[in-house]
PDB file of N, CA and C in Angstrom:
ATOM      1  N   MET A   1     -12.203  15.496   0.974  1.00  0.00           N
ATOM      2  CA  MET A   1     -12.989  15.174   2.006  1.00  0.00           C
ATOM      3  C   MET A   1     -12.012  15.358   3.291  1.00  0.00           C
ATOM      4  N   PRO A   2     -12.455  16.025   4.264  1.00  0.00           N
ATOM      5  CA  PRO A   2     -11.720  16.247   5.503  1.00  0.00           C
ATOM      6  C   PRO A   2     -11.588  14.823   6.234  1.00  0.00           C
ATOM      7  N   THR A   3     -10.470  14.501   6.707  1.00  0.00           N
ATOM      8  CA  THR A   3     -10.171  13.494   7.434  1.00  0.00           C
ATOM      9  C   THR A   3      -9.107  13.959   8.618  1.00  0.00           C
ATOM     10  N   SER A   4      -9.434  13.212   9.676  1.00  0.00           N
ATOM     11  CA  SER A   4      -8.433  13.557  10.822  1.00  0.00           C
ATOM     12  C   SER A   4      -7.852  12.314  11.352  1.00  0.00           C
ATOM     13  N   ILE A   5      -6.616  12.398  11.657  1.00  0.00           N
ATOM     14  CA  ILE A   5      -5.823  11.335  12.269  1.00  0.00           C
ATOM     15  C   ILE A   5      -5.031  11.704  13.538  1.00  0.00           C
ATOM     16  N   ARG A   6      -4.713  10.797  14.411  1.00  0.00           N
ATOM     17  CA  ARG A   6      -3.920  11.214  15.564  1.00  0.00           C
ATOM     18  C   ARG A   6      -2.464  10.540  15.075  1.00  0.00           C
ATOM     19  N   LEU A   7      -1.530  11.512  15.412  1.00  0.00           N
ATOM     20  CA  LEU A   7      -0.138  11.126  15.229  1.00  0.00           C
ATOM     21  C   LEU A   7       0.637  10.862  16.713  1.00  0.00           C
ATOM     22  N   ALA A   8       1.569  10.153  16.737  1.00  0.00           N
ATOM     23  CA  ALA A   8       2.352   9.829  18.024  1.00  0.00           C
ATOM     24  C   ALA A   8       2.998  11.187  17.898  1.00  0.00           C
ATOM     25  N   PRO A   9       3.242  11.575  19.225  1.00  0.00           N
ATOM     26  CA  PRO A   9       3.969  12.898  19.447  1.00  0.00           C
ATOM     27  C   PRO A   9       5.281  13.170  18.618  1.00  0.00           C
ATOM     28  N   ASP A  10       6.132  12.050  18.563  1.00  0.00           N
ATOM     29  CA  ASP A  10       7.269  12.138  17.847  1.00  0.00           C
ATOM     30  C   ASP A  10       7.098  12.447  16.395  1.00  0.00           C
ATOM     31  N   THR A  11       6.170  11.713  15.866  1.00  0.00           N
ATOM     32  CA  THR A  11       5.848  11.927  14.372  1.00  0.00           C
ATOM     33  C   THR A  11       5.312  13.201  14.182  1.00  0.00           C
ATOM     34  N   GLU A  12       4.506  13.782  15.077  1.00  0.00           N
ATOM     35  CA  GLU A  12       3.839  15.093  14.931  1.00  0.00           C
ATOM     36  C   GLU A  12       5.109  16.229  15.036  1.00  0.00           C
ATOM     37  N   ARG A  13       6.049  15.919  15.859  1.00  0.00           N
ATOM     38  CA  ARG A  13       7.107  16.926  16.011  1.00  0.00           C
ATOM     39  C   ARG A  13       7.944  16.886  14.816  1.00  0.00           C
ATOM     40  N   ARG A  14       8.228  15.811  14.186  1.00  0.00           N
ATOM     41  CA  ARG A  14       8.975  15.653  13.032  1.00  0.00           C
ATOM     42  C   ARG A  14       8.314  16.315  11.788  1.00  0.00           C
ATOM     43  N   LEU A  15       7.061  16.000  11.775  1.00  0.00           N
ATOM     44  CA  LEU A  15       6.283  16.799  10.629  1.00  0.00           C
ATOM     45  C   LEU A  15       6.203  18.237  10.846  1.00  0.00           C
ATOM     46  N   ASP A  16       6.035  18.659  12.150  1.00  0.00           N
ATOM     47  CA  ASP A  16       6.154  20.147  12.272  1.00  0.00           C
ATOM     48  C   ASP A  16       7.521  20.724  11.854  1.00  0.00           C
ATOM     49  N   GLN A  17       8.496  20.048  12.254  1.00  0.00           N
ATOM     50  CA  GLN A  17       9.937  20.308  11.920  1.00  0.00           C
ATOM     51  C   GLN A  17      10.023  20.585  10.402  1.00  0.00           C
ATOM     52  N   LEU A  18       9.696  19.500   9.726  1.00  0.00           N
ATOM     53  CA  LEU A  18       9.868  19.358   8.282  1.00  0.00           C
ATOM     54  C   LEU A  18       8.989  20.626   7.646  1.00  0.00           C
ATOM     55  N   ALA A  19       7.863  20.877   8.083  1.00  0.00           N
ATOM     56  CA  ALA A  19       6.960  21.992   7.500  1.00  0.00           C
ATOM     57  C   ALA A  19       7.771  23.303   7.767  1.00  0.00           C
ATOM     58  N   HIS A  20       8.015  23.470   9.041  1.00  0.00           N
ATOM     59  CA  HIS A  20       8.754  24.601   9.392  1.00  0.00           C
ATOM     60  C   HIS A  20      10.160  25.004   8.652  1.00  0.00           C
ATOM     61  N   LEU A  21      11.024  24.025   8.488  1.00  0.00           N
ATOM     62  CA  LEU A  21      12.162  24.075   7.821  1.00  0.00           C
ATOM     63  C   LEU A  21      12.196  24.268   6.256  1.00  0.00           C
ATOM     64  N   THR A  22      11.021  23.750   5.587  1.00  0.00           N
ATOM     65  CA  THR A  22      10.922  23.898   4.217  1.00  0.00           C
ATOM     66  C   THR A  22       9.910  24.935   3.658  1.00  0.00           C
ATOM     67  N   GLY A  23       9.013  25.483   4.673  1.00  0.00           N
ATOM     68  CA  GLY A  23       8.072  26.413   4.474  1.00  0.00           C
ATOM     69  C   GLY A  23       6.861  25.869   3.564  1.00  0.00           C
ATOM     70  N   ARG A  24       6.666  24.546   3.845  1.00  0.00           N
ATOM     71  CA  ARG A  24       5.596  24.006   3.412  1.00  0.00           C
ATOM     72  C   ARG A  24       4.618  23.602   4.388  1.00  0.00           C
ATOM     73  N   SER A  25       3.311  23.417   4.009  1.00  0.00           N
ATOM     74  CA  SER A  25       2.229  22.875   5.136  1.00  0.00           C
ATOM     75  C   SER A  25       2.532  21.475   5.425  1.00  0.00           C
ATOM     76  N   LYS A  26       2.033  21.250   6.625  1.00  0.00           N
ATOM     77  CA  LYS A  26       1.894  19.777   7.183  1.00  0.00           C
ATOM     78  C   LYS A  26       0.909  19.044   6.138  1.00  0.00           C
ATOM     79  N   ALA A  27       0.026  19.667   5.715  1.00  0.00           N
ATOM     80  CA  ALA A  27      -1.000  18.964   4.892  1.00  0.00           C
ATOM     81  C   ALA A  27      -0.427  18.511   3.534  1.00  0.00           C
ATOM     82  N   PHE A  28       0.633  19.392   2.997  1.00  0.00           N
ATOM     83  CA  PHE A  28       1.376  19.054   1.844  1.00  0.00           C
ATOM     84  C   PHE A  28       2.174  17.699   2.139  1.00  0.00           C
ATOM     85  N   TYR A  29       2.771  17.612   3.135  1.00  0.00           N
ATOM     86  CA  TYR A  29       3.608  16.452   3.424  1.00  0.00           C
ATOM     87  C   TYR A  29       2.683  15.219   3.619  1.00  0.00           C
ATOM     88  N   LEU A  30       1.586  15.561   4.351  1.00  0.00           N
ATOM     89  CA  LEU A  30       0.716  14.348   4.689  1.00  0.00           C
ATOM     90  C   LEU A  30       0.135  13.953   3.345  1.00  0.00           C
ATOM     91  N   ARG A  31      -0.243  14.792   2.413  1.00  0.00           N
ATOM     92  CA  ARG A  31      -0.632  14.166   1.151  1.00  0.00           C
ATOM     93  C   ARG A  31       0.363  13.432   0.375  1.00  0.00           C
ATOM     94  N   GLU A  32       1.547  14.029   0.343  1.00  0.00           N
ATOM     95  CA  GLU A  32       2.714  13.259  -0.184  1.00  0.00           C
ATOM     96  C   GLU A  32       3.052  11.883   0.342  1.00  0.00           C
ATOM     97  N   ILE A  33       2.922  11.769   1.602  1.00  0.00           N
ATOM     98  CA  ILE A  33       3.205  10.579   2.242  1.00  0.00           C
ATOM     99  C   ILE A  33       2.011   9.481   1.909  1.00  0.00           C
ATOM    100  N   ILE A  34       0.930  10.041   1.886  1.00  0.00           N
ATOM    101  CA  ILE A  34      -0.271   9.218   1.628  1.00  0.00           C
ATOM    102  C   ILE A  34      -0.337   8.692   0.269  1.00  0.00           C
ATOM    103  N   GLU A  35      -0.060   9.684  -0.632  1.00  0.00           N
ATOM    104  CA  GLU A  35      -0.042   9.209  -2.078  1.00  0.00           C
ATOM    105  C   GLU A  35       1.062   8.435  -2.511  1.00  0.00           C
ATOM    106  N   ARG A  36       2.179   8.497  -1.939  1.00  0.00           N
ATOM    107  CA  ARG A  36       3.446   7.701  -2.045  1.00  0.00           C
ATOM    108  C   ARG A  36       3.298   6.361  -1.581  1.00  0.00           C
ATOM    109  N   GLY A  37       2.746   6.263  -0.420  1.00  0.00           N
ATOM    110  CA  GLY A  37       2.562   4.869   0.269  1.00  0.00           C
ATOM    111  C   GLY A  37       1.221   4.282  -0.008  1.00  0.00           C
ATOM    112  N   LEU A  38       0.322   4.837  -0.493  1.00  0.00           N
ATOM    113  CA  LEU A  38      -1.062   4.123  -0.712  1.00  0.00           C
ATOM    114  C   LEU A  38      -1.050   2.943  -1.748  1.00  0.00           C
ATOM    115  N   GLU A  39      -0.273   3.123  -2.763  1.00  0.00           N
ATOM    116  CA  GLU A  39      -0.073   1.872  -3.803  1.00  0.00           C
ATOM    117  C   GLU A  39       0.705   0.845  -3.006  1.00  0.00           C
ATOM    118  N   GLU A  40       1.748   1.022  -2.383  1.00  0.00           N
ATOM    119  CA  GLU A  40       2.483   0.024  -1.672  1.00  0.00           C
ATOM    120  C   GLU A  40       1.504  -0.692  -0.662  1.00  0.00           C
ATOM    121  N   THR A  41       0.776   0.089   0.091  1.00  0.00           N
ATOM    122  CA  THR A  41      -0.040  -0.353   1.239  1.00  0.00           C
ATOM    123  C   THR A  41      -1.151  -1.248   0.454  1.00  0.00           C
ATOM    124  N   GLU A  42      -1.914  -0.754  -0.715  1.00  0.00           N
ATOM    125  CA  GLU A  42      -2.776  -1.560  -1.213  1.00  0.00           C
ATOM    126  C   GLU A  42      -2.181  -2.955  -1.649  1.00  0.00           C
ATOM    127  N   ASP A  43      -1.110  -2.833  -2.358  1.00  0.00           N
ATOM    128  CA  ASP A  43      -0.458  -4.219  -2.855  1.00  0.00           C
ATOM    129  C   ASP A  43      -0.114  -5.149  -1.757  1.00  0.00           C
ATOM    130  N   TYR A  44       0.259  -4.586  -0.481  1.00  0.00           N
ATOM    131  CA  TYR A  44       0.473  -5.496   0.624  1.00  0.00           C
ATOM    132  C   TYR A  44      -0.677  -6.219   1.228  1.00  0.00           C
ATOM    133  N   TYR A  45      -1.694  -5.389   1.512  1.00  0.00           N
ATOM    134  CA  TYR A  45      -2.985  -5.835   2.102  1.00  0.00           C
ATOM    135  C   TYR A  45      -3.828  -6.731   1.267  1.00  0.00           C
ATOM    136  N   LEU A  46      -3.910  -6.169  -0.066  1.00  0.00           N
ATOM    137  CA  LEU A  46      -4.617  -7.008  -1.059  1.00  0.00           C
ATOM    138  C   LEU A  46      -3.954  -8.393  -1.292  1.00  0.00           C
ATOM    139  N   ALA A  47      -2.573  -8.454  -1.382  1.00  0.00           N
ATOM    140  CA  ALA A  47      -1.866  -9.636  -1.532  1.00  0.00           C
ATOM    141  C   ALA A  47      -2.120 -10.592  -0.379  1.00  0.00           C
ATOM    142  N   ALA A  48      -1.953 -10.000   0.926  1.00  0.00           N
ATOM    143  CA  ALA A  48      -2.110 -10.722   2.143  1.00  0.00           C
ATOM    144  C   ALA A  48      -3.537 -11.382   2.177  1.00  0.00           C
ATOM    145  N   ARG A  49      -4.596 -10.623   1.513  1.00  0.00           N
ATOM    146  CA  ARG A  49      -5.956 -11.189   1.423  1.00  0.00           C
ATOM    147  C   ARG A  49      -6.122 -12.412   0.626  1.00  0.00           C
ATOM    148  N   VAL A  50      -5.331 -12.210  -0.412  1.00  0.00           N
ATOM    149  CA  VAL A  50      -5.486 -13.316  -1.585  1.00  0.00           C
ATOM    150  C   VAL A  50      -4.726 -14.522  -0.903  1.00  0.00           C
ATOM    151  N   LEU A  51      -3.635 -14.457  -0.379  1.00  0.00           N
ATOM    152  CA  LEU A  51      -2.961 -15.432   0.380  1.00  0.00           C
ATOM    153  C   LEU A  51      -3.673 -16.137   1.296  1.00  0.00           C
ATOM    154  N   GLU A  52      -4.531 -15.531   2.071  1.00  0.00           N
ATOM    155  CA  GLU A  52      -5.388 -16.092   3.061  1.00  0.00           C
ATOM    156  C   GLU A  52      -6.382 -16.824   2.436  1.00  0.00           C
ATOM    157  N   ARG A  53      -6.982 -16.497   1.327  1.00  0.00           N
ATOM    158  CA  ARG A  53      -7.979 -17.187   0.511  1.00  0.00           C
ATOM    159  C   ARG A  53      -7.381 -18.383  -0.023  1.00  0.00           C
ATOM    160  N   VAL A  54      -6.001 -18.465  -0.423  1.00  0.00           N
ATOM    161  CA  VAL A  54      -5.233 -19.475  -1.017  1.00  0.00           C
ATOM    162  C   VAL A  54      -5.178 -20.615   0.159  1.00  0.00           C
ATOM    163  N   ARG A  55      -4.655 -20.036   1.355  1.00  0.00           N
ATOM    164  CA  ARG A  55      -4.585 -20.977   2.394  1.00  0.00           C
ATOM    165  C   ARG A  55      -5.849 -21.767   2.727  1.00  0.00           C
ATOM    166  N   GLN A  56      -6.880 -20.927   2.622  1.00  0.00           N
ATOM    167  CA  GLN A  56      -8.346 -21.607   3.088  1.00  0.00           C
ATOM    168  C   GLN A  56      -8.880 -22.364   1.994  1.00  0.00           C
ATOM    169  N   GLY A  57      -8.140 -22.376   0.890  1.00  0.00           N
ATOM    170  CA  GLY A  57      -8.692 -23.235  -0.437  1.00  0.00           C
ATOM    171  C   GLY A  57      -9.743 -22.544  -1.105  1.00  0.00           C
ATOM    172  N   GLU A  58      -9.818 -21.164  -1.012  1.00  0.00           N
ATOM    173  CA  GLU A  58     -10.987 -20.398  -1.582  1.00  0.00           C
ATOM    174  C   GLU A  58     -10.539 -19.747  -2.918  1.00  0.00           C
ATOM    175  N   GLU A  59      -9.205 -19.885  -3.197  1.00  0.00           N
ATOM    176  CA  GLU A  59      -8.616 -19.151  -4.325  1.00  0.00           C
ATOM    177  C   GLU A  59      -7.943 -20.281  -5.242  1.00  0.00           C
ATOM    178  N   GLN A  60      -8.179 -20.375  -6.466  1.00  0.00           N
ATOM    179  CA  GLN A  60      -7.585 -21.322  -7.280  1.00  0.00           C
ATOM    180  C   GLN A  60      -6.143 -20.941  -7.674  1.00  0.00           C
ATOM    181  N   ILE A  61      -5.199 -21.709  -7.765  1.00  0.00           N
ATOM    182  CA  ILE A  61      -3.842 -21.531  -8.082  1.00  0.00           C
ATOM    183  C   ILE A  61      -3.381 -22.358  -9.227  1.00  0.00           C
ATOM    184  N   PHE A  62      -2.463 -21.799  -9.996  1.00  0.00           N
ATOM    185  CA  PHE A  62      -1.871 -22.550 -11.144  1.00  0.00           C
ATOM    186  C   PHE A  62      -0.510 -22.656 -11.194  1.00  0.00           C
ATOM    187  N   SER A  63       0.138 -23.583 -11.690  1.00  0.00           N
ATOM    188  CA  SER A  63       1.564 -23.573 -11.710  1.00  0.00           C
ATOM    189  C   SER A  63       1.896 -22.781 -13.022  1.00  0.00           C
ATOM    190  N   LEU A  64       3.176 -22.371 -13.128  1.00  0.00           N
ATOM    191  CA  LEU A  64       3.603 -21.527 -14.282  1.00  0.00           C
ATOM    192  C   LEU A  64       3.258 -22.234 -15.592  1.00  0.00           C
ATOM    193  N   SER A  65       3.421 -23.498 -15.736  1.00  0.00           N
ATOM    194  CA  SER A  65       3.337 -24.313 -16.969  1.00  0.00           C
ATOM    195  C   SER A  65       1.716 -24.319 -17.165  1.00  0.00           C
ATOM    196  N   GLU A  66       0.850 -24.402 -16.068  1.00  0.00           N
ATOM    197  CA  GLU A  66      -0.461 -24.492 -16.265  1.00  0.00           C
ATOM    198  C   GLU A  66      -1.003 -23.233 -16.953  1.00  0.00           C
ATOM    199  N   ALA A  67      -0.485 -22.084 -16.290  1.00  0.00           N
ATOM    200  CA  ALA A  67      -0.952 -20.888 -16.696  1.00  0.00           C
ATOM    201  C   ALA A  67      -0.563 -20.527 -18.173  1.00  0.00           C
ATOM    202  N   GLU A  68       0.688 -20.913 -18.604  1.00  0.00           N
ATOM    203  CA  GLU A  68       1.205 -20.780 -19.982  1.00  0.00           C
ATOM    204  C   GLU A  68       0.334 -21.508 -20.920  1.00  0.00           C
ATOM    205  N   ARG A  69      -0.025 -22.797 -20.473  1.00  0.00           N
ATOM    206  CA  ARG A  69      -0.826 -23.539 -21.407  1.00  0.00           C
ATOM    207  C   ARG A  69      -2.149 -23.047 -21.496  1.00  0.00           C
ATOM    208  N   GLN A  70      -2.842 -22.590 -20.372  1.00  0.00           N
ATOM    209  CA  GLN A  70      -4.220 -21.997 -20.483  1.00  0.00           C
ATOM    210  C   GLN A  70      -4.259 -20.627 -21.400  1.00  0.00           C
ATOM    211  N   LEU A  71      -3.102 -19.884 -21.321  1.00  0.00           N
ATOM    212  CA  LEU A  71      -3.031 -18.734 -21.928  1.00  0.00           C
ATOM    213  C   LEU A  71      -2.378 -18.793 -23.460  1.00  0.00           C
ATOM    214  N   GLY A  72      -2.141 -20.101 -23.800  1.00  0.00           N
ATOM    215  CA  GLY A  72      -1.740 -20.432 -25.178  1.00  0.00           C
ATOM    216  C   GLY A  72      -0.171 -19.874 -25.368  1.00  0.00           C
ATOM    217  N   LEU A  73       0.652 -19.915 -24.325  1.00  0.00           N
ATOM    218  CA  LEU A  73       1.985 -19.294 -24.355  1.00  0.00           C
ATOM    219  C   LEU A  73       2.851 -20.530 -24.135  1.00  0.00           C
ATOM    220  N   ALA A  74       2.374 -21.790 -24.046  1.00  0.00           N
ATOM    221  CA  ALA A  74       3.232 -22.958 -23.842  1.00  0.00           C
ATOM    222  C   ALA A  74       4.089 -23.145 -25.185  1.00  0.00           C
ATOM    223  N   ASP A  75       5.313 -23.513 -24.995  1.00  0.00           N
ATOM    224  CA  ASP A  75       6.187 -23.878 -26.128  1.00  0.00           C
ATOM    225  C   ASP A  75       5.466 -24.980 -26.988  1.00  0.00           C
TER     226      ASP A  75
END
């Protein structure tokens, strides 16, 4: 799916230079950057969402001992 984004001029320049020096396309590097960073970005924002639900009392939390007991892992 085609997607367009606006980059800061310095970022665009760096991307242009990398593509030029390596002979690869800017699209190649943009895909690489997105694929490598997507999992980390998902982890961060989804964790922040859960944390907000915990703070608002909307998410149940358990201590380690409670979780072990409920999962049958307690000593």
